[in-house]
Amino acid sequence: MRYLPFLCCFLSGLTLAQAATPTTPHLRKTGEATLLTPRSGAAVVLTEEAAYIIGGSNPSGTIGDIERIDLTTLKSSCVTEKIEGRRFPAAARLGRKLYVVGGLRLGVRPVLPVDTVEIFDLDTREVTRGKPLPTPRSGLGLAALGGKLYAIGGTQVQGPNRTQTNRVEVYDPVTDSWTDGPFMPTPRECEAVVVTGFILVPGGFASRRSLDAVELFIPGEQAWKRLPALSVPTSAAGVAVAGSHLYLFGNYDDRSQVLAYDLRTRQTQKLKVDFKPARHAAADALGSLLVVAGGSTAETGPDRSEVQFFEVAPP
């Protein structure tokens, strides 16, 4: 999610970059923390001081709290129980505020995506509400770029059917308003990350299958660009960017899978790292540090309480 000057080669279309041999990242596990409440389908946001694990669900139902993992002590505490309980929300940070958007409300019939937008102030720990998401969705990507939030893809309800969408809606926190953005090429449930002023969306789920599509949004052109695909169709993964690679932790069909997508060569490698297998874990990165939170070990659980920390070491 940070600045990578070499990413301009994404736009150059150089065959040399595509043909080059990908570098193997030095990814190592640095520690684990334990959640107070095991969960999957949560969101996570990493700051300089802490990792914030937001919402999700377990066999008891949806979870309406935010846990904070202190990066120095690796101790967890609950910082609020005032958010709406929902599975598969998306979250991102602008300044000192966390924005939690969309998700799936369980425990009521019918089970429907929600339009909820909640704003958690990291300093006051107060929760306020923003203007609702125009299209209620779950399993969407949320990217903070240029002072705005991009809500990308996800699953929506149209009539009696649930369908994956390629819709993009853009939130301006200054005006508390939403506008339409350019549609993503591939409708899907997805994760979205920011790399050097672009938004990158890898893999995802649609039409009952995992996808290998990788697509890049270019804000200056208000356009999407298709990139070389992942080597393995991947969904239900925690996604984060650190150093020169995009990482995908877990897969719906292979919970132990860890992929590294080289941002320069746009080639994929499978990594062997000490990752506790999970699907529907949440991931984020800051600098060389990555966090992977929760997730489920099977279709019906149990849900993980581990928060796993990794670091990209110099070669």
Protein backbone atom coordinates (compact mmCIF):
# COMPACT_ATOMS: atom_id res chain seq x y z
CA MET A 1 0.00 0.00 0.00
CA ARG A 2 3.03 2.27 -0.17
CA TYR A 3 5.08 4.16 -2.74
CA LEU A 4 6.99 2.10 -5.30
CA PRO A 5 8.65 4.28 -7.96
CA PHE A 6 9.32 1.37 -10.28
CA LEU A 7 5.60 0.69 -10.64
CA CYS A 8 5.51 3.09 -13.57
CA CYS A 9 6.53 0.07 -15.64
CA PHE A 10 2.94 -1.11 -15.19
CA LEU A 11 1.96 1.56 -17.65
CA SER A 12 4.87 1.23 -20.06
CA GLY A 13 3.98 -2.23 -21.38
CA LEU A 14 7.66 -3.15 -21.61
CA THR A 15 8.07 -6.74 -22.80
CA LEU A 16 11.42 -6.84 -21.01
CA ALA A 17 9.73 -6.42 -17.64
CA GLN A 18 7.19 -9.10 -18.44
CA ALA A 19 9.88 -11.54 -19.58
CA ALA A 20 12.27 -10.96 -16.65
CA THR A 21 12.67 -13.53 -13.92
CA PRO A 22 10.69 -12.60 -10.79
CA THR A 23 12.69 -12.04 -7.62
CA THR A 24 11.88 -14.25 -4.65
CA PRO A 25 10.87 -12.10 -1.68
CA HIS A 26 12.41 -12.75 1.73
CA LEU A 27 9.20 -13.00 3.75
CA ARG A 28 9.57 -14.17 7.34
CA LYS A 29 7.20 -14.51 10.24
CA THR A 30 8.06 -12.23 13.15
CA GLY A 31 5.37 -13.07 15.71
CA GLU A 32 1.75 -13.69 16.62
CA ALA A 33 -0.87 -12.04 18.77
CA THR A 34 -4.14 -13.50 20.04
CA LEU A 35 -7.55 -11.93 19.45
CA LEU A 36 -9.98 -11.67 22.34
CA THR A 37 -12.66 -12.96 19.95
CA PRO A 38 -11.83 -15.43 17.14
CA ARG A 39 -13.30 -14.31 13.82
CA SER A 40 -13.23 -14.60 10.05
CA GLY A 41 -14.51 -12.28 7.35
CA ALA A 42 -13.19 -9.28 9.28
CA ALA A 43 -11.25 -6.25 8.06
CA VAL A 44 -7.86 -5.06 9.33
CA VAL A 45 -6.07 -1.72 9.17
CA LEU A 46 -2.42 -1.34 10.19
CA THR A 47 -1.09 1.94 11.60
CA GLU A 48 2.32 2.90 12.95
CA GLU A 49 1.26 1.93 16.48
CA ALA A 50 -1.28 -0.88 16.16
CA ALA A 51 -3.32 -3.26 14.05
CA TYR A 52 -7.10 -2.74 14.19
CA ILE A 53 -9.26 -5.80 13.53
CA ILE A 54 -12.80 -4.82 12.63
CA GLY A 55 -16.03 -6.82 12.71
CA GLY A 56 -16.32 -10.23 11.09
CA SER A 57 -18.19 -13.24 12.43
CA ASN A 58 -17.87 -16.60 14.18
CA PRO A 59 -20.38 -19.37 14.98
CA SER A 60 -21.98 -17.07 17.57
CA GLY A 61 -22.89 -14.54 14.86
CA THR A 62 -21.57 -11.22 13.60
CA ILE A 63 -19.13 -9.24 15.74
CA GLY A 64 -19.72 -5.56 16.45
CA ASP A 65 -16.38 -4.49 17.87
CA ILE A 66 -12.88 -3.36 16.97
CA GLU A 67 -9.85 -4.97 18.59
CA ARG A 68 -6.51 -3.16 18.78
CA ILE A 69 -3.24 -5.11 18.74
CA ASP A 70 -0.40 -3.00 20.15
CA LEU A 71 2.64 -3.47 17.91
CA THR A 72 5.06 -3.17 20.84
CA THR A 73 3.44 -5.56 23.32
CA LEU A 74 1.29 -7.62 20.89
CA LYS A 75 -1.51 -7.40 23.44
CA SER A 76 -5.10 -7.07 22.28
CA SER A 77 -7.77 -4.79 23.69
CA CYS A 78 -11.29 -3.91 22.61
CA VAL A 79 -11.46 -0.22 21.71
CA THR A 80 -15.16 -0.05 20.82
CA GLU A 81 -18.24 -2.26 20.80
CA LYS A 82 -20.34 0.35 19.02
CA ILE A 83 -19.98 -0.68 15.39
CA GLU A 84 -22.63 -2.62 13.52
CA GLY A 85 -21.91 -6.35 13.52
CA ARG A 86 -21.29 -7.56 9.98
CA ARG A 87 -19.29 -10.07 8.01
CA PHE A 88 -17.14 -9.13 5.01
CA PRO A 89 -17.00 -5.36 5.58
CA ALA A 90 -14.23 -3.32 3.99
CA ALA A 91 -12.08 -0.83 5.87
CA ALA A 92 -9.46 1.81 5.09
CA ARG A 93 -7.78 4.73 6.83
CA LEU A 94 -7.76 8.41 5.95
CA GLY A 95 -5.69 10.41 8.41
CA ARG A 96 -6.66 9.47 11.95
CA LYS A 97 -9.98 7.90 11.02
CA LEU A 98 -10.95 4.38 10.02
CA TYR A 99 -13.82 3.97 7.57
CA VAL A 100 -15.83 0.74 7.67
CA VAL A 101 -18.05 0.20 4.64
CA GLY A 102 -20.65 -2.37 3.62
CA GLY A 103 -20.71 -5.99 4.73
CA LEU A 104 -23.21 -8.74 5.39
CA ARG A 105 -25.62 -8.71 8.33
CA LEU A 106 -26.24 -12.22 9.68
CA GLY A 107 -28.90 -13.44 12.11
CA VAL A 108 -31.83 -11.86 10.25
CA ARG A 109 -33.84 -13.06 7.27
CA PRO A 110 -33.20 -12.44 4.49
CA VAL A 111 -29.43 -12.16 4.88
CA LEU A 112 -28.61 -9.04 2.87
CA PRO A 113 -25.63 -6.78 2.19
CA VAL A 114 -25.73 -3.48 4.07
CA ASP A 115 -25.07 0.13 3.07
CA THR A 116 -23.57 1.11 6.43
CA VAL A 117 -20.64 3.54 6.59
CA GLU A 118 -19.09 3.94 10.04
CA ILE A 119 -16.18 6.20 10.97
CA PHE A 120 -13.95 5.33 13.94
CA ASP A 121 -11.78 8.14 15.30
CA LEU A 122 -8.43 6.68 16.39
CA ASP A 123 -7.89 9.46 18.95
CA THR A 124 -11.31 9.89 20.57
CA ARG A 125 -12.48 6.31 19.88
CA GLU A 126 -15.88 7.64 18.95
CA VAL A 127 -17.96 6.08 16.18
CA THR A 128 -19.99 8.23 13.80
CA ARG A 129 -21.85 7.47 10.60
CA GLY A 130 -21.23 8.65 7.08
CA LYS A 131 -23.63 8.82 4.17
CA PRO A 132 -24.74 5.27 3.31
CA LEU A 133 -23.13 3.39 0.45
CA PRO A 134 -25.40 3.93 -2.59
CA THR A 135 -25.26 0.23 -3.53
CA PRO A 136 -25.36 -2.10 -0.49
CA ARG A 137 -22.56 -4.64 -0.92
CA SER A 138 -20.48 -7.21 0.94
CA GLY A 139 -17.08 -8.61 0.05
CA LEU A 140 -16.03 -5.34 -1.59
CA GLY A 141 -12.62 -3.74 -1.83
CA LEU A 142 -12.01 -0.34 -0.25
CA ALA A 143 -9.03 1.83 -1.18
CA ALA A 144 -8.03 5.22 0.22
CA LEU A 145 -6.45 7.38 -2.48
CA GLY A 146 -6.15 11.13 -2.92
CA GLY A 147 -8.22 11.85 0.17
CA LYS A 148 -11.15 9.78 -1.09
CA LEU A 149 -12.41 6.22 -0.67
CA TYR A 150 -13.04 3.88 -3.61
CA ALA A 151 -15.61 1.15 -2.92
CA ILE A 152 -14.93 -1.50 -5.56
CA GLY A 153 -16.85 -4.61 -6.60
CA GLY A 154 -18.49 -6.97 -4.10
CA THR A 155 -21.75 -8.89 -3.98
CA GLN A 156 -25.09 -7.09 -4.29
CA VAL A 157 -28.71 -8.19 -4.44
CA GLN A 158 -30.69 -7.66 -7.62
CA GLY A 159 -34.26 -8.88 -7.31
CA PRO A 160 -34.15 -12.42 -5.90
CA ASN A 161 -30.52 -12.97 -6.92
CA ARG A 162 -27.13 -12.24 -5.44
CA THR A 163 -24.67 -11.18 -8.09
CA GLN A 164 -21.10 -9.94 -8.16
CA THR A 165 -20.70 -6.40 -9.40
CA ASN A 166 -17.97 -4.34 -11.05
CA ARG A 167 -19.42 -1.11 -9.67
CA VAL A 168 -17.10 1.58 -8.28
CA GLU A 169 -18.42 4.29 -5.97
CA VAL A 170 -16.25 7.10 -4.61
CA TYR A 171 -16.73 8.69 -1.19
CA ASP A 172 -15.58 12.23 -0.37
CA PRO A 173 -15.31 12.63 3.43
CA VAL A 174 -15.21 16.42 3.15
CA THR A 175 -18.67 16.62 1.57
CA ASP A 176 -19.93 13.28 2.97
CA SER A 177 -21.09 12.33 -0.51
CA TRP A 178 -20.76 9.48 -3.01
CA THR A 179 -20.24 9.65 -6.77
CA ASP A 180 -19.93 6.95 -9.42
CA GLY A 181 -16.49 5.89 -10.62
CA PRO A 182 -15.43 3.94 -13.73
CA PHE A 183 -16.64 0.35 -13.67
CA MET A 184 -13.97 -2.28 -13.03
CA PRO A 185 -13.63 -4.68 -16.01
CA THR A 186 -14.36 -7.85 -14.00
CA PRO A 187 -17.38 -8.14 -11.67
CA ARG A 188 -16.26 -9.89 -8.46
CA GLU A 189 -15.88 -10.02 -4.72
CA CYS A 190 -12.40 -8.66 -4.17
CA GLU A 191 -9.75 -6.89 -2.14
CA ALA A 192 -8.21 -3.60 -3.29
CA VAL A 193 -4.80 -2.16 -2.42
CA VAL A 194 -3.09 1.13 -3.22
CA VAL A 195 0.33 1.11 -4.87
CA THR A 196 2.11 4.32 -5.92
CA GLY A 197 -1.08 6.25 -6.57
CA PHE A 198 -2.83 3.40 -8.38
CA ILE A 199 -5.42 0.88 -7.16
CA LEU A 200 -4.69 -2.79 -7.72
CA VAL A 201 -7.34 -5.54 -7.54
CA PRO A 202 -6.11 -9.17 -7.74
CA GLY A 203 -8.13 -12.38 -7.97
CA GLY A 204 -11.49 -12.62 -6.25
CA PHE A 205 -14.72 -14.56 -6.60
CA ALA A 206 -17.57 -14.54 -9.13
CA SER A 207 -20.02 -17.02 -10.64
CA ARG A 208 -19.12 -19.65 -8.04
CA ARG A 209 -15.44 -19.74 -8.90
CA SER A 210 -12.14 -18.17 -7.95
CA LEU A 211 -10.56 -15.74 -10.42
CA ASP A 212 -7.04 -15.00 -11.61
CA ALA A 213 -7.70 -11.51 -13.01
CA VAL A 214 -5.43 -8.63 -11.95
CA GLU A 215 -6.65 -5.13 -12.80
CA LEU A 216 -5.20 -1.68 -12.17
CA PHE A 217 -7.11 1.60 -11.81
CA ILE A 218 -5.33 4.71 -13.09
CA PRO A 219 -6.89 7.78 -11.40
CA GLY A 220 -5.31 10.31 -13.77
CA GLU A 221 -6.99 8.61 -16.73
CA GLN A 222 -10.10 7.45 -14.86
CA ALA A 223 -9.51 4.11 -16.53
CA TRP A 224 -8.76 0.47 -15.74
CA LYS A 225 -5.93 -1.60 -17.20
CA ARG A 226 -5.70 -5.40 -17.28
CA LEU A 227 -2.40 -6.84 -16.06
CA PRO A 228 -0.97 -10.36 -16.41
CA ALA A 229 -3.07 -12.76 -14.36
CA LEU A 230 -2.19 -14.62 -11.19
CA SER A 231 -0.77 -18.07 -11.84
CA VAL A 232 -3.42 -19.56 -9.55
CA PRO A 233 -7.10 -18.48 -9.39
CA THR A 234 -7.45 -17.16 -5.85
CA SER A 235 -10.34 -15.99 -3.68
CA ALA A 236 -10.99 -15.53 0.05
CA ALA A 237 -7.38 -14.34 0.47
CA GLY A 238 -5.94 -11.61 2.65
CA VAL A 239 -4.18 -9.17 0.31
CA ALA A 240 -1.43 -6.64 1.06
CA VAL A 241 1.52 -4.92 -0.66
CA ALA A 242 5.00 -4.65 0.86
CA GLY A 243 8.25 -3.88 -0.93
CA SER A 244 8.14 -4.96 -4.56
CA HIS A 245 5.45 -7.62 -4.17
CA LEU A 246 1.74 -8.08 -3.75
CA TYR A 247 1.00 -10.88 -1.26
CA LEU A 248 -2.09 -13.09 -1.10
CA PHE A 249 -2.49 -15.14 2.09
CA GLY A 250 -4.78 -18.17 1.83
CA ASN A 251 -7.21 -19.32 -0.83
CA TYR A 252 -10.72 -20.70 -0.65
CA ASP A 253 -9.64 -24.11 -1.96
CA ASP A 254 -6.10 -24.09 -0.52
CA ARG A 255 -5.99 -22.36 2.84
CA SER A 256 -2.22 -22.83 3.17
CA GLN A 257 -1.43 -21.02 -0.10
CA VAL A 258 0.72 -17.88 -0.02
CA LEU A 259 1.37 -16.11 -3.32
CA ALA A 260 3.75 -13.29 -4.18
CA TYR A 261 2.97 -11.27 -7.32
CA ASP A 262 6.05 -9.39 -8.49
CA LEU A 263 5.01 -5.80 -9.23
CA ARG A 264 7.86 -5.31 -11.70
CA THR A 265 7.69 -8.51 -13.73
CA ARG A 266 4.00 -9.22 -13.02
CA GLN A 267 4.73 -12.88 -12.41
CA THR A 268 3.48 -15.04 -9.54
CA GLN A 269 5.34 -17.33 -7.16
CA LYS A 270 4.13 -19.68 -4.44
CA LEU A 271 5.96 -19.10 -1.18
CA LYS A 272 6.80 -21.48 1.64
CA VAL A 273 6.36 -19.48 4.84
CA ASP A 274 5.16 -20.19 8.37
CA PHE A 275 1.58 -19.20 7.67
CA LYS A 276 -1.24 -20.78 9.67
CA PRO A 277 -3.75 -21.75 6.95
CA ALA A 278 -6.96 -19.77 6.68
CA ARG A 279 -9.56 -18.55 4.23
CA HIS A 280 -11.31 -15.21 4.70
CA ALA A 281 -8.43 -13.80 6.74
CA ALA A 282 -7.81 -10.05 6.57
CA ALA A 283 -4.44 -8.51 5.66
CA ASP A 284 -2.75 -5.12 5.54
CA ALA A 285 0.79 -3.77 5.32
CA LEU A 286 2.78 -0.72 6.38
CA GLY A 287 6.30 -0.38 5.08
CA SER A 288 7.92 -3.82 5.35
CA LEU A 289 5.48 -5.10 8.01
CA LEU A 290 2.46 -7.25 7.11
CA VAL A 291 -0.39 -8.43 9.31
CA VAL A 292 -2.85 -11.27 8.66
CA ALA A 293 -5.78 -11.48 11.07
CA GLY A 294 -8.23 -14.28 11.85
CA GLY A 295 -9.81 -16.39 9.14
CA SER A 296 -11.52 -19.77 9.13
CA THR A 297 -9.99 -23.22 8.90
CA ALA A 298 -13.05 -24.87 7.31
CA GLU A 299 -16.46 -24.01 5.88
CA THR A 300 -18.11 -23.98 9.31
CA GLY A 301 -15.08 -23.03 11.41
CA PRO A 302 -13.40 -23.01 13.76
CA ASP A 303 -12.36 -19.41 13.29
CA ARG A 304 -8.83 -18.37 14.05
CA SER A 305 -7.84 -16.16 16.96
CA GLU A 306 -4.29 -15.67 15.63
CA VAL A 307 -3.03 -12.38 14.28
CA GLN A 308 0.09 -13.26 12.28
CA PHE A 309 2.88 -10.76 11.63
CA PHE A 310 5.38 -10.98 8.76
CA GLU A 311 8.24 -8.83 7.56
CA VAL A 312 9.88 -8.43 4.19
CA ALA A 313 13.60 -8.66 4.87
CA PRO A 314 16.27 -7.15 2.60
CA PRO A 315 17.61 -9.68 0.06
